[in-house]
PDB file of N, CA and C in Angstrom:
ATOM      1  N   UNK A   1      -7.485  -8.844  -2.512  1.00  0.00           N
ATOM      2  CA  UNK A   1      -6.857  -8.523  -1.105  1.00  0.00           C
ATOM      3  C   UNK A   1      -7.650  -9.335  -0.028  1.00  0.00           C
ATOM      4  N   UNK A   2      -6.903  -9.846   0.918  1.00  0.00           N
ATOM      5  CA  UNK A   2      -7.377 -10.616   1.900  1.00  0.00           C
ATOM      6  C   UNK A   2      -7.736  -9.642   3.065  1.00  0.00           C
ATOM      7  N   UNK A   3      -9.042  -9.630   3.526  1.00  0.00           N
ATOM      8  CA  UNK A   3      -9.428  -8.689   4.613  1.00  0.00           C
ATOM      9  C   UNK A   3      -8.543  -8.995   5.915  1.00  0.00           C
ATOM     10  N   UNK A   4      -8.107  -7.787   6.340  1.00  0.00           N
ATOM     11  CA  UNK A   4      -7.337  -7.859   7.651  1.00  0.00           C
ATOM     12  C   UNK A   4      -5.840  -8.114   7.280  1.00  0.00           C
ATOM     13  N   UNK A   5      -5.488  -8.059   5.994  1.00  0.00           N
ATOM     14  CA  UNK A   5      -4.043  -8.328   5.607  1.00  0.00           C
ATOM     15  C   UNK A   5      -3.126  -7.264   6.323  1.00  0.00           C
ATOM     16  N   UNK A   6      -1.987  -7.697   6.598  1.00  0.00           N
ATOM     17  CA  UNK A   6      -1.046  -6.828   7.023  1.00  0.00           C
ATOM     18  C   UNK A   6       0.205  -6.497   6.005  1.00  0.00           C
ATOM     19  N   UNK A   7       0.024  -7.210   4.992  1.00  0.00           N
ATOM     20  CA  UNK A   7       0.948  -7.031   3.916  1.00  0.00           C
ATOM     21  C   UNK A   7       0.212  -6.812   2.494  1.00  0.00           C
ATOM     22  N   UNK A   8       0.842  -5.911   1.896  1.00  0.00           N
ATOM     23  CA  UNK A   8       0.331  -5.623   0.391  1.00  0.00           C
ATOM     24  C   UNK A   8       1.315  -5.939  -0.573  1.00  0.00           C
ATOM     25  N   UNK A   9       1.101  -6.796  -1.581  1.00  0.00           N
ATOM     26  CA  UNK A   9       2.013  -7.043  -2.688  1.00  0.00           C
ATOM     27  C   UNK A   9       1.462  -6.429  -3.822  1.00  0.00           C
ATOM     28  N   UNK A  10       2.287  -5.847  -4.723  1.00  0.00           N
ATOM     29  CA  UNK A  10       1.906  -5.176  -5.835  1.00  0.00           C
ATOM     30  C   UNK A  10       2.604  -5.968  -7.046  1.00  0.00           C
ATOM     31  N   UNK A  11       2.161  -5.661  -8.214  1.00  0.00           N
ATOM     32  CA  UNK A  11       2.695  -6.205  -9.359  1.00  0.00           C
ATOM     33  C   UNK A  11       2.690  -5.156 -10.403  1.00  0.00           C
ATOM     34  N   UNK A  12       3.622  -5.240 -11.470  1.00  0.00           N
ATOM     35  CA  UNK A  12       3.878  -4.187 -12.347  1.00  0.00           C
ATOM     36  C   UNK A  12       5.224  -3.974 -12.689  1.00  0.00           C
ATOM     37  N   UNK A  13       5.554  -2.835 -13.402  1.00  0.00           N
ATOM     38  CA  UNK A  13       6.800  -2.541 -13.827  1.00  0.00           C
ATOM     39  C   UNK A  13       7.938  -2.462 -12.679  1.00  0.00           C
ATOM     40  N   UNK A  14       7.515  -1.626 -11.590  1.00  0.00           N
ATOM     41  CA  UNK A  14       8.191  -1.445 -10.287  1.00  0.00           C
ATOM     42  C   UNK A  14       9.751  -1.582 -10.540  1.00  0.00           C
ATOM     43  N   UNK A  15      10.237  -0.609 -11.437  1.00  0.00           N
ATOM     44  CA  UNK A  15      11.734  -0.615 -11.722  1.00  0.00           C
ATOM     45  C   UNK A  15      12.556  -0.250 -10.406  1.00  0.00           C
ATOM     46  N   UNK A  16      12.051   0.517  -9.571  1.00  0.00           N
ATOM     47  CA  UNK A  16      13.002   0.887  -8.449  1.00  0.00           C
ATOM     48  C   UNK A  16      12.290   0.402  -7.088  1.00  0.00           C
ATOM     49  N   UNK A  17      11.445  -0.657  -7.102  1.00  0.00           N
ATOM     50  CA  UNK A  17      10.874  -1.114  -5.767  1.00  0.00           C
ATOM     51  C   UNK A  17      10.200   0.043  -5.127  1.00  0.00           C
ATOM     52  N   UNK A  18       9.592   0.831  -5.809  1.00  0.00           N
ATOM     53  CA  UNK A  18       8.869   2.059  -5.248  1.00  0.00           C
ATOM     54  C   UNK A  18       7.339   1.782  -5.184  1.00  0.00           C
ATOM     55  N   UNK A  19       6.745   0.644  -5.747  1.00  0.00           N
ATOM     56  CA  UNK A  19       5.487   0.414  -5.513  1.00  0.00           C
ATOM     57  C   UNK A  19       4.997  -0.566  -4.442  1.00  0.00           C
ATOM     58  N   UNK A  20       5.950  -0.894  -3.635  1.00  0.00           N
ATOM     59  CA  UNK A  20       5.708  -1.607  -2.446  1.00  0.00           C
ATOM     60  C   UNK A  20       5.298  -0.735  -1.300  1.00  0.00           C
ATOM     61  N   UNK A  21       4.355  -1.234  -0.543  1.00  0.00           N
ATOM     62  CA  UNK A  21       3.849  -0.549   0.608  1.00  0.00           C
ATOM     63  C   UNK A  21       4.478  -1.136   1.839  1.00  0.00           C
ATOM     64  N   UNK A  22       4.765  -0.361   2.890  1.00  0.00           N
ATOM     65  CA  UNK A  22       5.382  -0.869   4.044  1.00  0.00           C
ATOM     66  C   UNK A  22       4.332  -1.581   4.942  1.00  0.00           C
ATOM     67  N   UNK A  23       4.692  -2.552   5.744  1.00  0.00           N
ATOM     68  CA  UNK A  23       3.770  -3.216   6.635  1.00  0.00           C
ATOM     69  C   UNK A  23       3.320  -2.210   7.620  1.00  0.00           C
ATOM     70  N   UNK A  24       1.974  -2.366   8.014  1.00  0.00           N
ATOM     71  CA  UNK A  24       1.430  -1.410   8.943  1.00  0.00           C
ATOM     72  C   UNK A  24       1.952  -1.678  10.366  1.00  0.00           C
ATOM     73  N   UNK A  25       1.716  -0.618  11.335  1.00  0.00           N
ATOM     74  CA  UNK A  25       2.022  -1.008  12.682  1.00  0.00           C
ATOM     75  C   UNK A  25       1.375  -2.224  13.332  1.00  0.00           C
ATOM     76  N   UNK A  26       1.892  -2.691  14.379  1.00  0.00           N
ATOM     77  CA  UNK A  26       1.214  -3.844  14.992  1.00  0.00           C
ATOM     78  C   UNK A  26      -0.177  -3.522  15.236  1.00  0.00           C
ATOM     79  N   UNK A  27      -1.141  -4.281  15.096  1.00  0.00           N
ATOM     80  CA  UNK A  27      -2.640  -4.195  15.365  1.00  0.00           C
ATOM     81  C   UNK A  27      -3.346  -3.367  14.309  1.00  0.00           C
ATOM     82  N   UNK A  28      -2.668  -2.912  13.298  1.00  0.00           N
ATOM     83  CA  UNK A  28      -3.339  -2.169  12.142  1.00  0.00           C
ATOM     84  C   UNK A  28      -3.265  -3.074  11.030  1.00  0.00           C
ATOM     85  N   UNK A  29      -4.321  -3.113  10.131  1.00  0.00           N
ATOM     86  CA  UNK A  29      -4.371  -3.836   8.965  1.00  0.00           C
ATOM     87  C   UNK A  29      -4.769  -2.980   7.847  1.00  0.00           C
ATOM     88  N   UNK A  30      -4.619  -3.512   6.685  1.00  0.00           N
ATOM     89  CA  UNK A  30      -5.040  -2.918   5.420  1.00  0.00           C
ATOM     90  C   UNK A  30      -6.506  -3.277   5.182  1.00  0.00           C
ATOM     91  N   UNK A  31      -7.560  -2.372   4.887  1.00  0.00           N
ATOM     92  CA  UNK A  31      -8.922  -2.808   4.703  1.00  0.00           C
ATOM     93  C   UNK A  31      -9.486  -2.508   3.310  1.00  0.00           C
ATOM     94  N   UNK A  32      -8.699  -1.657   2.555  1.00  0.00           N
ATOM     95  CA  UNK A  32      -9.024  -1.402   1.098  1.00  0.00           C
ATOM     96  C   UNK A  32      -7.920  -0.984   0.419  1.00  0.00           C
ATOM     97  N   UNK A  33      -7.834  -1.417  -0.934  1.00  0.00           N
ATOM     98  CA  UNK A  33      -6.685  -1.000  -1.805  1.00  0.00           C
ATOM     99  C   UNK A  33      -7.222  -0.716  -3.145  1.00  0.00           C
ATOM    100  N   UNK A  34      -6.515   0.163  -3.842  1.00  0.00           N
ATOM    101  CA  UNK A  34      -6.840   0.646  -5.175  1.00  0.00           C
ATOM    102  C   UNK A  34      -5.437   0.780  -5.882  1.00  0.00           C
ATOM    103  N   UNK A  35      -5.446   0.218  -7.094  1.00  0.00           N
ATOM    104  CA  UNK A  35      -4.235   0.163  -7.896  1.00  0.00           C
ATOM    105  C   UNK A  35      -4.277   0.944  -9.161  1.00  0.00           C
ATOM    106  N   UNK A  36      -3.150   1.412  -9.694  1.00  0.00           N
ATOM    107  CA  UNK A  36      -3.274   2.083 -11.013  1.00  0.00           C
ATOM    108  C   UNK A  36      -2.018   1.660 -11.682  1.00  0.00           C
ATOM    109  N   UNK A  37      -1.639   2.168 -12.910  1.00  0.00           N
ATOM    110  CA  UNK A  37      -0.508   1.931 -13.718  1.00  0.00           C
ATOM    111  C   UNK A  37       0.753   2.276 -12.991  1.00  0.00           C
ATOM    112  N   UNK A  38       0.766   3.358 -12.130  1.00  0.00           N
ATOM    113  CA  UNK A  38       2.114   3.700 -11.473  1.00  0.00           C
ATOM    114  C   UNK A  38       1.829   4.020 -10.050  1.00  0.00           C
ATOM    115  N   UNK A  39       0.702   3.565  -9.464  1.00  0.00           N
ATOM    116  CA  UNK A  39       0.427   3.890  -8.140  1.00  0.00           C
ATOM    117  C   UNK A  39      -0.361   2.853  -7.400  1.00  0.00           C
ATOM    118  N   UNK A  40      -0.261   2.756  -6.179  1.00  0.00           N
ATOM    119  CA  UNK A  40      -1.117   2.025  -5.258  1.00  0.00           C
ATOM    120  C   UNK A  40      -1.423   2.671  -4.132  1.00  0.00           C
ATOM    121  N   UNK A  41      -2.686   2.644  -3.654  1.00  0.00           N
ATOM    122  CA  UNK A  41      -3.172   3.357  -2.447  1.00  0.00           C
ATOM    123  C   UNK A  41      -4.036   2.375  -1.623  1.00  0.00           C
ATOM    124  N   UNK A  42      -3.693   2.320  -0.331  1.00  0.00           N
ATOM    125  CA  UNK A  42      -4.295   1.456   0.673  1.00  0.00           C
ATOM    126  C   UNK A  42      -4.828   2.190   1.914  1.00  0.00           C
ATOM    127  N   UNK A  43      -6.013   1.794   2.223  1.00  0.00           N
ATOM    128  CA  UNK A  43      -6.716   2.393   3.470  1.00  0.00           C
ATOM    129  C   UNK A  43      -6.344   1.385   4.600  1.00  0.00           C
ATOM    130  N   UNK A  44      -5.719   1.941   5.551  1.00  0.00           N
ATOM    131  CA  UNK A  44      -5.515   1.161   6.831  1.00  0.00           C
ATOM    132  C   UNK A  44      -6.713   1.257   7.870  1.00  0.00           C
ATOM    133  N   UNK A  45      -6.727   0.316   8.729  1.00  0.00           N
ATOM    134  CA  UNK A  45      -7.796   0.329   9.833  1.00  0.00           C
ATOM    135  C   UNK A  45      -7.650   1.405  10.803  1.00  0.00           C
ATOM    136  N   UNK A  46      -6.667   2.202  10.687  1.00  0.00           N
ATOM    137  CA  UNK A  46      -6.452   3.403  11.617  1.00  0.00           C
ATOM    138  C   UNK A  46      -6.834   4.544  10.968  1.00  0.00           C
ATOM    139  N   UNK A  47      -7.410   4.512   9.635  1.00  0.00           N
ATOM    140  CA  UNK A  47      -7.835   5.641   8.941  1.00  0.00           C
ATOM    141  C   UNK A  47      -6.872   6.273   8.000  1.00  0.00           C
ATOM    142  N   UNK A  48      -5.578   5.976   8.205  1.00  0.00           N
ATOM    143  CA  UNK A  48      -4.550   6.481   7.334  1.00  0.00           C
ATOM    144  C   UNK A  48      -4.568   5.890   5.859  1.00  0.00           C
ATOM    145  N   UNK A  49      -4.264   6.564   4.966  1.00  0.00           N
ATOM    146  CA  UNK A  49      -4.134   6.071   3.494  1.00  0.00           C
ATOM    147  C   UNK A  49      -2.650   6.121   3.264  1.00  0.00           C
ATOM    148  N   UNK A  50      -2.077   4.929   2.683  1.00  0.00           N
ATOM    149  CA  UNK A  50      -0.737   4.935   2.343  1.00  0.00           C
ATOM    150  C   UNK A  50      -0.682   4.817   0.833  1.00  0.00           C
ATOM    151  N   UNK A  51       0.246   5.676   0.259  1.00  0.00           N
ATOM    152  CA  UNK A  51       0.345   5.616  -1.271  1.00  0.00           C
ATOM    153  C   UNK A  51       1.718   5.185  -1.631  1.00  0.00           C
ATOM    154  N   UNK A  52       1.830   4.331  -2.595  1.00  0.00           N
ATOM    155  CA  UNK A  52       3.081   4.083  -3.238  1.00  0.00           C
ATOM    156  C   UNK A  52       3.102   4.491  -4.649  1.00  0.00           C
ATOM    157  N   UNK A  53       4.031   5.320  -5.176  1.00  0.00           N
ATOM    158  CA  UNK A  53       4.043   5.741  -6.654  1.00  0.00           C
ATOM    159  C   UNK A  53       5.462   5.471  -7.042  1.00  0.00           C
ATOM    160  N   UNK A  54       5.566   5.798  -8.324  1.00  0.00           N
ATOM    161  CA  UNK A  54       6.936   5.725  -8.856  1.00  0.00           C
ATOM    162  C   UNK A  54       7.815   6.712  -8.386  1.00  0.00           C
ATOM    163  N   UNK A  55       7.301   7.682  -7.445  1.00  0.00           N
ATOM    164  CA  UNK A  55       8.151   8.696  -6.810  1.00  0.00           C
ATOM    165  C   UNK A  55       8.463   8.149  -5.351  1.00  0.00           C
ATOM    166  N   UNK A  56       7.940   7.118  -4.895  1.00  0.00           N
ATOM    167  CA  UNK A  56       8.176   6.537  -3.478  1.00  0.00           C
ATOM    168  C   UNK A  56       6.900   6.276  -2.888  1.00  0.00           C
ATOM    169  N   UNK A  57       6.906   6.270  -1.521  1.00  0.00           N
ATOM    170  CA  UNK A  57       5.811   6.076  -0.723  1.00  0.00           C
ATOM    171  C   UNK A  57       5.539   7.152   0.415  1.00  0.00           C
ATOM    172  N   UNK A  58       4.258   7.370   0.799  1.00  0.00           N
ATOM    173  CA  UNK A  58       4.006   8.194   1.974  1.00  0.00           C
ATOM    174  C   UNK A  58       2.715   7.849   2.521  1.00  0.00           C
ATOM    175  N   UNK A  59       2.410   8.299   3.756  1.00  0.00           N
ATOM    176  CA  UNK A  59       1.420   8.147   4.566  1.00  0.00           C
ATOM    177  C   UNK A  59       0.727   9.503   4.748  1.00  0.00           C
ATOM    178  N   UNK A  60      -0.605   9.505   4.648  1.00  0.00           N
ATOM    179  CA  UNK A  60      -1.331  10.812   4.776  1.00  0.00           C
ATOM    180  C   UNK A  60      -2.497  10.544   5.864  1.00  0.00           C
TER     181      UNK A  60
END
């Protein structure tokens, strides 16, 4: 991951394009990322964690 990235690209099976994370809002960047076999989680600079799984994506 490139520090301050605004786009996260994933790799894997991704049959239904559900492992892709949305671009963050303007002025917010991704600062950490963790990936697994069927999920990706990314921490944004605004403190929100965005997760993508084979079930879709959500922000908490």
